[in-house]
Amino acid sequence: MKKQQGIKLSIIALATSMVLGCTTTNPSNAPQVSPEGMELKKSTRSTVAYKKEGVDFSQYDKVQILPSAVAFKKNWQRDYNRNQSTLSMRVRDKDVMRIKADVAKLFDEVFKEEFSKDAKFPIVEKVSSNTLVIRPAILNLDVAAPDLKYAGNVKTYTSEAGQATLFLELYDGVSGEILARIINTSAAGDDSYYQWATRVSNRADAKRMIRKWAKALRTKYDEAHVPTAK
């Protein structure tokens, strides 16, 4: 299972880097059609969105949210440790695993909280007709100042907790057909001034970033169910 998840994340990361690589230099260079045949609906320096032509999201009155996957930015641990003067300030493998698990758990909690606010559209464990499946992943996770328990009284000050890329796909629950894909890169805790970074502050900053993503998707989902005027 872990090997399969690693392969999946590698493929997603490659696709993300290719798409966002286009948008960094010239947003209009993003492919107009995805490999699955979805059409490009938005292309900016931070966001790329594709959608299947003609899909009617108003028919989906149930939601299944799959467990999120999390992957750090390439060589993040090595690069971070290279700038640390003492062993106690370096990130260990167990820190990477803990942070990934914490971020995934927080992501799942926030998304389910946002989509649980209206009982009209229940979150389900098993798919059936009219079920929209949300498959989320967080890629290129870059934590500016991870809070390490064994770092003694060292305090780290930073103006930004870090950044990450949301890779979100929407599927039809029965057919498994992909309906939309959203890729968005966002910074967490960009306050334009330096503050003491702790595990509590990092979690709060990450939670705000994740909630922003969750609210944006929930807003679009709700808009799809607003009756059109005749």
Protein backbone atom coordinates (compact mmCIF):
# COMPACT_ATOMS: atom_id res chain seq x y z
CA MET A 1 0.00 0.00 0.00
CA LYS A 2 2.78 2.44 0.94
CA LYS A 3 4.62 1.64 -2.30
CA GLN A 4 1.46 2.26 -4.35
CA GLN A 5 0.84 5.55 -2.54
CA GLY A 6 4.43 6.59 -3.23
CA ILE A 7 4.02 5.88 -6.93
CA LYS A 8 0.72 7.77 -6.99
CA LEU A 9 2.27 10.81 -5.30
CA SER A 10 5.21 10.74 -7.71
CA ILE A 11 2.88 10.81 -10.71
CA ILE A 12 0.79 13.60 -9.19
CA ALA A 13 3.89 15.59 -8.30
CA LEU A 14 5.20 15.26 -11.85
CA ALA A 15 1.90 16.42 -13.32
CA THR A 16 1.75 19.33 -10.88
CA SER A 17 5.28 20.48 -11.61
CA MET A 18 4.63 20.33 -15.36
CA VAL A 19 1.43 22.37 -15.15
CA LEU A 20 2.69 24.90 -12.62
CA GLY A 21 5.94 25.13 -14.52
CA CYS A 22 3.96 26.54 -17.42
CA THR A 23 2.01 28.98 -15.30
CA THR A 24 5.11 30.37 -13.58
CA THR A 25 6.49 31.84 -16.78
CA ASN A 26 3.37 32.30 -18.84
CA PRO A 27 -0.10 31.35 -17.57
CA SER A 28 -1.47 31.02 -21.10
CA ASN A 29 0.94 28.14 -21.78
CA ALA A 30 -1.03 25.73 -19.60
CA PRO A 31 -2.45 22.95 -21.82
CA GLN A 32 -5.95 23.81 -23.00
CA VAL A 33 -7.03 20.17 -22.66
CA SER A 34 -5.95 17.70 -19.97
CA PRO A 35 -4.84 14.14 -20.86
CA GLU A 36 -8.35 13.00 -19.81
CA GLY A 37 -10.02 15.49 -22.16
CA MET A 38 -11.03 18.08 -19.57
CA GLU A 39 -10.97 21.72 -20.62
CA LEU A 40 -8.83 24.39 -19.00
CA LYS A 41 -11.07 26.76 -17.02
CA LYS A 42 -8.50 28.80 -15.08
CA SER A 43 -4.80 29.43 -15.42
CA THR A 44 -2.91 31.86 -13.17
CA ARG A 45 0.49 31.87 -11.50
CA SER A 46 -0.93 30.04 -8.49
CA THR A 47 -3.96 28.15 -9.80
CA VAL A 48 -4.80 25.78 -12.64
CA ALA A 49 -8.27 24.27 -12.99
CA TYR A 50 -9.72 21.77 -15.44
CA LYS A 51 -13.33 20.63 -15.82
CA LYS A 52 -15.13 18.07 -17.91
CA GLU A 53 -17.29 19.81 -20.49
CA GLY A 54 -21.00 19.58 -19.79
CA VAL A 55 -20.76 18.10 -16.29
CA ASP A 56 -23.65 19.10 -14.03
CA PHE A 57 -22.49 19.19 -10.42
CA SER A 58 -26.01 19.90 -9.20
CA GLN A 59 -26.82 16.19 -9.62
CA TYR A 60 -24.36 15.30 -6.85
CA ASP A 61 -26.13 15.50 -3.50
CA LYS A 62 -23.71 13.33 -1.53
CA VAL A 63 -19.97 13.69 -0.99
CA GLN A 64 -17.24 11.20 -0.22
CA ILE A 65 -13.91 12.68 0.91
CA LEU A 66 -11.01 10.28 0.53
CA PRO A 67 -8.11 10.38 2.99
CA SER A 68 -5.58 12.97 1.89
CA ALA A 69 -2.02 12.21 0.86
CA VAL A 70 0.88 14.49 1.79
CA ALA A 71 4.33 14.83 0.24
CA PHE A 72 7.12 17.23 1.12
CA LYS A 73 8.92 19.43 -1.35
CA LYS A 74 11.76 17.55 -3.04
CA ASN A 75 14.87 17.46 -0.84
CA TRP A 76 13.17 19.58 1.84
CA GLN A 77 14.72 17.67 4.76
CA ARG A 78 18.22 17.73 3.26
CA ASP A 79 18.04 21.42 2.37
CA TYR A 80 16.64 22.39 5.76
CA ASN A 81 19.29 20.45 7.70
CA ARG A 82 22.08 21.91 5.60
CA ASN A 83 21.42 25.31 7.17
CA GLN A 84 21.33 24.09 10.78
CA SER A 85 24.42 24.51 12.94
CA THR A 86 23.67 21.80 15.52
CA LEU A 87 22.29 18.27 15.42
CA SER A 88 19.49 19.19 17.83
CA MET A 89 18.11 21.65 15.28
CA ARG A 90 18.04 19.17 12.41
CA VAL A 91 14.93 17.43 11.17
CA ARG A 92 14.92 13.67 11.57
CA ASP A 93 13.02 11.09 9.55
CA LYS A 94 10.52 10.67 12.37
CA ASP A 95 9.83 14.42 12.26
CA VAL A 96 9.02 14.23 8.56
CA MET A 97 6.65 11.32 9.14
CA ARG A 98 4.99 13.09 12.09
CA ILE A 99 4.47 16.33 10.19
CA LYS A 100 3.03 14.49 7.18
CA ALA A 101 0.59 12.60 9.41
CA ASP A 102 -0.39 15.76 11.29
CA VAL A 103 -1.02 17.72 8.09
CA ALA A 104 -3.06 14.90 6.54
CA LYS A 105 -5.17 14.56 9.69
CA LEU A 106 -5.73 18.31 9.88
CA PHE A 107 -6.65 18.47 6.19
CA ASP A 108 -9.22 15.68 6.55
CA GLU A 109 -10.73 17.27 9.66
CA VAL A 110 -11.11 20.72 8.12
CA PHE A 111 -12.57 19.51 4.81
CA LYS A 112 -15.08 17.25 6.54
CA GLU A 113 -16.01 20.07 8.90
CA GLU A 114 -16.72 22.44 6.01
CA PHE A 115 -18.77 19.88 4.09
CA SER A 116 -20.69 18.83 7.22
CA LYS A 117 -22.23 22.26 7.76
CA ASP A 118 -25.32 21.43 5.69
CA ALA A 119 -27.06 18.11 6.32
CA LYS A 120 -28.72 18.49 2.92
CA PHE A 121 -25.50 17.21 1.32
CA PRO A 122 -24.25 14.39 3.58
CA ILE A 123 -20.73 13.02 3.69
CA VAL A 124 -20.87 9.29 2.99
CA GLU A 125 -18.42 6.43 3.51
CA LYS A 126 -19.66 4.36 0.54
CA VAL A 127 -20.46 5.70 -2.89
CA SER A 128 -23.81 5.33 -4.61
CA SER A 129 -25.60 7.22 -7.35
CA ASN A 130 -25.14 10.99 -7.25
CA THR A 131 -22.03 10.78 -5.07
CA LEU A 132 -19.20 13.22 -5.72
CA VAL A 133 -15.82 11.79 -4.72
CA ILE A 134 -13.16 14.27 -3.59
CA ARG A 135 -9.58 12.99 -3.81
CA PRO A 136 -7.15 15.46 -2.19
CA ALA A 137 -3.39 15.59 -1.97
CA ILE A 138 -0.96 18.14 -0.58
CA LEU A 139 2.30 18.33 -2.50
CA ASN A 140 5.51 20.31 -2.28
CA LEU A 141 4.98 20.88 1.44
CA ASP A 142 7.60 23.36 2.61
CA VAL A 143 7.69 24.09 6.35
CA ALA A 144 9.82 27.15 7.10
CA ALA A 145 10.35 26.51 10.82
CA PRO A 146 9.29 23.06 12.05
CA ASP A 147 8.91 22.85 15.81
CA LEU A 148 11.31 20.19 17.09
CA LYS A 149 10.87 18.86 20.62
CA TYR A 150 14.57 18.19 21.13
CA ALA A 151 15.82 21.59 19.96
CA GLY A 152 16.06 22.90 23.53
CA ASN A 153 15.27 26.57 24.06
CA VAL A 154 15.97 27.51 20.46
CA LYS A 155 13.37 29.88 19.06
CA THR A 156 12.84 30.37 15.35
CA TYR A 157 11.30 33.53 13.95
CA THR A 158 9.79 33.61 10.49
CA SER A 159 7.34 35.71 8.49
CA GLU A 160 5.86 32.66 6.75
CA ALA A 161 5.04 29.21 8.12
CA GLY A 162 5.60 27.69 4.70
CA GLN A 163 3.73 26.81 1.55
CA ALA A 164 2.12 23.87 -0.18
CA THR A 165 0.35 22.86 -3.37
CA LEU A 166 -3.19 21.53 -3.27
CA PHE A 167 -3.89 18.84 -5.88
CA LEU A 168 -7.60 18.11 -5.84
CA GLU A 169 -9.57 15.84 -8.13
CA LEU A 170 -13.33 15.30 -8.33
CA TYR A 171 -14.80 12.02 -9.56
CA ASP A 172 -18.18 10.48 -10.27
CA GLY A 173 -18.73 7.97 -7.48
CA VAL A 174 -20.26 5.24 -9.64
CA SER A 175 -18.38 5.43 -12.94
CA GLY A 176 -15.10 6.69 -11.48
CA GLU A 177 -14.87 9.25 -14.29
CA ILE A 178 -12.80 12.30 -13.45
CA LEU A 179 -14.86 15.50 -13.52
CA ALA A 180 -12.46 18.24 -12.46
CA ARG A 181 -8.91 18.90 -11.28
CA ILE A 182 -7.71 21.89 -9.27
CA ILE A 183 -4.08 22.73 -8.53
CA ASN A 184 -3.35 25.66 -6.23
CA THR A 185 -0.16 26.81 -4.54
CA SER A 186 -0.61 28.85 -1.38
CA ALA A 187 1.50 30.23 1.45
CA ALA A 188 0.64 29.79 5.10
CA GLY A 189 1.09 32.51 7.69
CA ASP A 190 2.31 35.25 5.37
CA ASP A 191 1.97 38.12 7.84
CA SER A 192 4.72 40.36 6.40
CA TYR A 193 6.44 40.43 9.79
CA TYR A 194 8.51 37.98 11.79
CA GLN A 195 7.00 35.98 14.64
CA TRP A 196 8.02 33.06 16.83
CA ALA A 197 7.19 29.81 15.06
CA THR A 198 5.91 27.00 17.28
CA ARG A 199 3.99 23.80 16.68
CA VAL A 200 0.84 25.65 17.76
CA SER A 201 1.42 28.59 15.41
CA ASN A 202 2.38 26.28 12.54
CA ARG A 203 -0.81 24.29 13.02
CA ALA A 204 -2.92 27.46 13.16
CA ASP A 205 -1.34 28.81 9.97
CA ALA A 206 -1.77 25.48 8.18
CA LYS A 207 -5.38 25.25 9.33
CA ARG A 208 -6.17 28.70 7.92
CA MET A 209 -4.64 27.75 4.58
CA ILE A 210 -6.53 24.45 4.42
CA ARG A 211 -9.80 26.10 5.45
CA LYS A 212 -9.37 28.62 2.65
CA TRP A 213 -9.16 25.73 0.18
CA ALA A 214 -12.11 23.93 1.79
CA LYS A 215 -14.33 27.02 1.79
CA ALA A 216 -13.51 27.79 -1.84
CA LEU A 217 -14.53 24.28 -2.91
CA ARG A 218 -17.62 24.27 -0.71
CA THR A 219 -18.69 27.63 -2.14
CA LYS A 220 -18.42 26.27 -5.69
CA TYR A 221 -20.33 23.15 -4.65
CA ASP A 222 -23.13 25.22 -3.12
CA GLU A 223 -23.29 27.51 -6.14
CA ALA A 224 -23.85 24.48 -8.36
CA HIS A 225 -27.00 23.68 -6.37
CA VAL A 226 -28.56 27.14 -6.56
CA PRO A 227 -31.65 26.96 -8.81
CA THR A 228 -31.22 28.96 -11.99
CA ALA A 229 -33.80 31.62 -12.77
CA LYS A 230 -36.10 30.78 -15.65
